[in-house]
Protein backbone atom coordinates (compact mmCIF):
# COMPACT_ATOMS: atom_id res chain seq x y z
CA MET A 1 0.00 0.00 0.00
CA THR A 2 1.34 3.46 -0.93
CA THR A 3 2.37 5.59 2.03
CA PRO A 4 0.06 8.62 2.40
CA PHE A 5 1.37 12.16 2.08
CA VAL A 6 1.02 13.84 5.48
CA LYS A 7 1.04 17.55 6.27
CA SER A 8 1.39 18.51 9.94
CA ARG A 9 1.21 21.79 11.77
CA PRO A 10 1.06 21.58 15.58
CA ASP A 11 0.05 25.25 15.87
CA ALA A 12 -2.56 25.16 13.07
CA PRO A 13 -5.37 27.69 13.56
CA ALA A 14 -8.88 26.35 14.05
CA GLY A 15 -10.20 24.56 10.98
CA PHE A 16 -6.99 24.92 8.98
CA PHE A 17 -6.81 21.31 7.78
CA GLU A 18 -10.53 20.57 8.06
CA VAL A 19 -11.53 23.22 5.53
CA GLU A 20 -8.79 22.05 3.16
CA ALA A 21 -10.15 18.50 3.33
CA ALA A 22 -13.68 19.77 2.75
CA GLY A 23 -12.44 21.72 -0.28
CA LEU A 24 -10.74 18.66 -1.76
CA ARG A 25 -13.90 16.60 -1.37
CA TRP A 26 -16.04 19.36 -2.90
CA LEU A 27 -13.77 19.68 -5.91
CA ALA A 28 -13.79 15.92 -6.58
CA VAL A 29 -16.65 16.00 -9.11
CA HIS A 30 -17.34 13.34 -11.73
CA GLY A 31 -15.41 14.17 -14.89
CA GLY A 32 -13.57 17.06 -13.25
CA VAL A 33 -9.90 17.42 -12.37
CA PRO A 34 -8.80 14.69 -9.93
CA VAL A 35 -7.62 15.85 -6.53
CA ALA A 36 -5.37 14.47 -3.82
CA GLU A 37 -7.89 12.39 -1.87
CA PRO A 38 -8.09 13.24 1.84
CA LEU A 39 -7.62 10.09 3.89
CA HIS A 40 -7.47 11.43 7.43
CA VAL A 41 -7.87 14.88 8.90
CA SER A 42 -7.40 16.28 12.40
CA PRO A 43 -6.91 19.78 13.81
CA THR A 44 -3.14 19.45 13.36
CA GLN A 45 -2.73 17.10 10.40
CA LEU A 46 -4.01 16.13 6.96
CA ALA A 47 -3.15 12.87 5.19
CA THR A 48 -3.85 12.53 1.46
CA THR A 49 -3.01 10.09 -1.29
CA ARG A 50 0.62 10.37 -2.38
CA LEU A 51 1.03 11.50 -5.98
CA ASP A 52 4.01 10.71 -8.21
CA MET A 53 5.28 13.50 -10.42
CA SER A 54 5.57 13.31 -14.20
CA THR A 55 6.47 15.52 -17.16
CA PRO A 56 3.76 17.87 -18.51
CA THR A 57 2.55 16.63 -21.87
CA GLU A 58 0.30 18.07 -24.55
CA SER A 59 -2.34 15.41 -23.98
CA ALA A 60 -2.28 15.93 -20.19
CA ALA A 61 -2.66 19.69 -20.72
CA GLU A 62 -5.67 19.20 -22.98
CA ASP A 63 -7.25 16.79 -20.51
CA PHE A 64 -6.64 19.23 -17.65
CA GLY A 65 -8.28 22.10 -19.54
CA ARG A 66 -11.37 20.05 -20.36
CA ARG A 67 -11.67 18.68 -16.84
CA LEU A 68 -11.20 22.09 -15.21
CA ALA A 69 -14.20 23.39 -17.15
CA VAL A 70 -16.23 20.45 -15.80
CA THR A 71 -15.10 21.19 -12.24
CA HIS A 72 -16.10 24.83 -12.57
CA ASP A 73 -19.43 23.92 -14.16
CA ALA A 74 -20.33 21.79 -11.14
CA GLY A 75 -21.30 25.16 -9.73
CA ALA A 76 -21.81 26.68 -6.31
CA ARG A 77 -24.85 28.00 -4.49
CA TYR A 78 -23.56 31.58 -4.53
CA PHE A 79 -20.39 33.64 -4.80
CA GLY A 80 -18.25 33.22 -1.69
CA VAL A 81 -19.97 30.09 -0.41
CA PRO A 82 -17.62 27.72 1.44
CA PRO A 83 -17.24 24.11 0.28
CA ASP A 84 -19.93 21.64 1.29
CA GLY A 85 -19.30 20.21 4.73
CA TRP A 86 -17.80 23.43 6.05
CA SER A 87 -19.20 26.61 7.54
CA GLY A 88 -17.27 29.72 8.42
CA ASP A 89 -14.13 31.12 6.88
CA GLY A 90 -11.23 29.28 5.27
CA TYR A 91 -7.58 29.95 4.52
CA ILE A 92 -5.43 30.82 1.54
CA GLY A 93 -1.88 29.89 2.28
CA THR A 94 -1.50 30.65 5.95
CA ILE A 95 -3.91 33.58 6.24
CA PRO A 96 -7.71 33.68 6.66
CA LEU A 97 -9.98 33.62 3.61
CA PRO A 98 -13.42 35.16 4.23
CA HIS A 99 -16.44 33.20 3.07
CA ALA A 100 -19.91 34.63 2.51
CA THR A 101 -22.58 33.62 5.01
CA GLU A 102 -25.35 34.56 2.57
CA PRO A 103 -25.58 35.44 -1.14
CA THR A 104 -24.21 38.79 -2.28
CA ARG A 105 -25.96 40.87 -4.94
CA SER A 106 -23.30 40.23 -7.57
CA TRP A 107 -19.85 38.85 -8.27
CA GLY A 108 -18.43 42.38 -8.21
CA GLU A 109 -19.76 43.01 -4.72
CA PHE A 110 -18.39 39.69 -3.49
CA TYR A 111 -15.00 40.23 -5.11
CA ALA A 112 -14.62 43.76 -3.77
CA ASN A 113 -15.72 43.05 -0.21
CA LEU A 114 -14.51 39.50 0.42
CA ARG A 115 -11.51 39.07 -1.87
CA LEU A 116 -9.90 42.51 -2.13
CA ARG A 117 -10.84 44.73 0.81
CA PRO A 118 -9.90 42.25 3.60
CA TYR A 119 -6.34 42.18 2.27
CA LEU A 120 -6.34 45.91 1.58
CA ARG A 121 -7.07 46.39 5.28
CA ALA A 122 -4.37 43.93 6.28
CA ALA A 123 -1.87 45.69 4.02
CA HIS A 124 -2.91 49.07 5.46
CA ASP A 125 -2.22 47.71 8.96
CA GLN A 126 1.31 46.94 7.75
CA GLY A 127 1.72 50.51 6.50
CA ILE A 128 1.13 49.62 2.84
CA HIS A 129 -1.37 51.87 1.05
CA LEU A 130 -3.00 50.69 -2.16
CA ASP A 131 -5.46 53.42 -3.13
CA PRO A 132 -5.73 52.36 -6.82
CA ILE A 133 -7.16 49.01 -5.70
CA GLU A 134 -9.78 50.69 -3.53
CA ARG A 135 -10.88 52.63 -6.60
CA VAL A 136 -11.25 49.31 -8.45
CA CYS A 137 -13.40 48.05 -5.57
CA ILE A 138 -15.77 50.98 -6.03
CA ARG A 139 -16.17 50.15 -9.72
CA LEU A 140 -16.68 46.48 -8.91
CA GLU A 141 -19.47 47.33 -6.46
CA ALA A 142 -21.06 49.51 -9.11
CA GLY A 143 -21.29 46.46 -11.38
CA GLU A 144 -18.87 47.59 -14.10
CA TYR A 145 -17.41 44.11 -14.47
CA ASP A 146 -20.53 42.02 -13.90
CA ASP A 147 -22.30 40.06 -16.58
CA PRO A 148 -25.68 38.29 -16.25
CA SER A 149 -24.17 35.13 -17.71
CA ASP A 150 -21.65 34.79 -14.87
CA GLU A 151 -22.88 32.02 -12.58
CA PRO A 152 -21.08 31.03 -9.37
CA CYS A 153 -18.55 28.31 -10.17
CA ARG A 154 -16.84 25.66 -8.08
CA ILE A 155 -13.31 27.03 -8.05
CA HIS A 156 -10.03 25.89 -6.50
CA GLY A 157 -9.28 29.41 -5.32
CA ASP A 158 -5.47 29.09 -5.09
CA LEU A 159 -4.72 27.64 -8.50
CA TRP A 160 -1.13 28.67 -8.98
CA SER A 161 1.30 26.30 -10.69
CA GLY A 162 2.56 24.81 -7.41
CA ASN A 163 -0.89 23.39 -6.70
CA VAL A 164 -1.13 21.73 -10.13
CA LEU A 165 0.60 18.35 -10.01
CA TRP A 166 1.45 16.62 -13.27
CA THR A 167 1.30 12.87 -12.62
CA PRO A 168 1.48 9.80 -14.87
CA ASP A 169 -2.35 9.77 -14.72
CA GLY A 170 -2.73 13.44 -15.63
CA VAL A 171 -3.09 16.58 -13.55
CA HIS A 172 -4.22 16.40 -9.92
CA LEU A 173 -4.98 19.38 -7.68
CA ILE A 174 -3.77 20.00 -4.13
CA ASP A 175 -4.01 22.70 -1.45
CA PRO A 176 -7.29 24.40 -2.41
CA ALA A 177 -8.88 27.53 -1.02
CA ALA A 178 -12.13 26.29 -2.55
CA HIS A 179 -15.24 28.45 -2.71
CA GLY A 180 -17.96 29.66 -5.02
CA GLY A 181 -16.26 32.10 -7.35
CA HIS A 182 -15.66 33.23 -10.92
CA ARG A 183 -14.09 30.79 -13.38
CA GLU A 184 -11.80 33.53 -14.67
CA THR A 185 -10.21 33.83 -11.21
CA ASP A 186 -8.82 30.30 -11.40
CA LEU A 187 -7.66 30.83 -14.98
CA ALA A 188 -5.98 34.12 -14.10
CA MET A 189 -4.17 32.50 -11.20
CA LEU A 190 -2.84 29.76 -13.50
CA ALA A 191 -1.23 32.54 -15.56
CA LEU A 192 0.16 34.52 -12.62
CA PHE A 193 3.35 32.54 -12.03
CA GLY A 194 3.41 30.58 -15.29
CA LEU A 195 2.32 27.03 -16.05
CA PRO A 196 3.62 24.63 -18.71
CA ARG A 197 1.42 24.38 -21.81
CA LEU A 198 -1.01 26.99 -20.51
CA ASP A 199 -2.15 28.02 -24.00
CA ARG A 200 -3.23 24.45 -24.76
CA ILE A 201 -4.99 24.19 -21.39
CA LEU A 202 -6.98 27.34 -22.08
CA ARG A 203 -7.91 26.28 -25.61
CA ALA A 204 -9.18 22.93 -24.33
CA TYR A 205 -11.11 24.68 -21.55
CA ASP A 206 -12.74 27.02 -24.08
CA GLU A 207 -13.77 24.04 -26.20
CA VAL A 208 -15.83 22.68 -23.29
CA HIS A 209 -17.06 25.98 -21.86
CA PRO A 210 -16.57 28.97 -24.19
CA LEU A 211 -15.19 31.91 -22.25
CA ARG A 212 -16.94 35.27 -22.27
CA ASP A 213 -15.66 37.86 -24.73
CA GLY A 214 -12.84 39.97 -23.35
CA TRP A 215 -11.73 37.50 -20.71
CA GLN A 216 -8.07 38.08 -21.60
CA GLU A 217 -8.46 41.79 -20.76
CA ARG A 218 -9.78 40.85 -17.29
CA ILE A 219 -6.90 38.57 -16.31
CA GLU A 220 -5.14 41.17 -14.17
CA LEU A 221 -8.43 42.17 -12.53
CA HIS A 222 -8.74 38.61 -11.24
CA GLN A 223 -5.06 38.50 -10.34
CA LEU A 224 -5.53 41.34 -7.86
CA TYR A 225 -6.82 38.84 -5.30
CA PRO A 226 -3.73 36.58 -5.20
CA LEU A 227 -1.43 39.58 -5.60
CA LEU A 228 -2.93 41.19 -2.50
CA VAL A 229 -2.51 37.93 -0.60
CA HIS A 230 1.16 37.99 -1.58
CA VAL A 231 1.43 41.65 -0.54
CA VAL A 232 0.17 40.73 2.94
CA LEU A 233 2.42 37.68 3.20
CA PHE A 234 5.58 38.95 1.54
CA GLY A 235 5.33 42.66 0.67
CA GLY A 236 8.27 43.60 -1.54
CA GLY A 237 7.78 43.67 -5.29
CA TYR A 238 4.21 42.45 -5.06
CA VAL A 239 3.13 45.94 -3.94
CA ALA A 240 4.22 47.56 -7.20
CA GLN A 241 2.82 44.66 -9.23
CA ALA A 242 -0.59 44.96 -7.56
CA ILE A 243 -0.71 48.74 -8.08
CA GLU A 244 0.28 48.40 -11.73
CA ALA A 245 -2.44 45.80 -12.33
CA ALA A 246 -5.09 47.93 -10.60
CA ARG A 247 -4.28 50.97 -12.71
CA ARG A 248 -5.44 49.06 -15.80
CA TYR A 249 -8.99 49.09 -14.43
């Protein structure tokens, strides 16, 4: 029997591993992207199936793109909803991730108030001021970036390249910050730090679920969320990168 992969953190905050396990289970939809299966969870530890690494291939990239569209299309009850089996907030990396306790009026309102402003406040507390992003929040609340066709999707929420594992059986996902969100947020995060064969992944995704016109022009809008998380965690060059992205909107 393969030895499980075990993550431990004796000082883990309340729910740290439990919400991750709930997110993995929620993302494990039929026909979607496979995930590292949670085997055992406790307040200080999470054991999952161990995954062997492999080389990214064209066929694996195409399969990943198609399956990611299926995962997203499994849907969510509303923007900001936590994964099934969990109530309350979650985590992205090591910091809290607010979840919505009830539906918001729109994606823009959710994104401004639960994905940007919490980290704007945290950055402000560190002496980092990001006024251009607050101006984007105002436009988001006003509905400038909303579209009636945007339905809440079942998203990974922290889909950078390090959480995409290329295995002999295709891509598997790990370490989610899963919630009801916008499909373009996951796609934008894939692009943030680079991913092998991303163009082929996106083409395959679009074949299953055609993306809304202009999605490429909104990539940096959706990247503001992970960039702000990195500002709070690491500061440095992420401050200038976040400001530059915000000024495009």
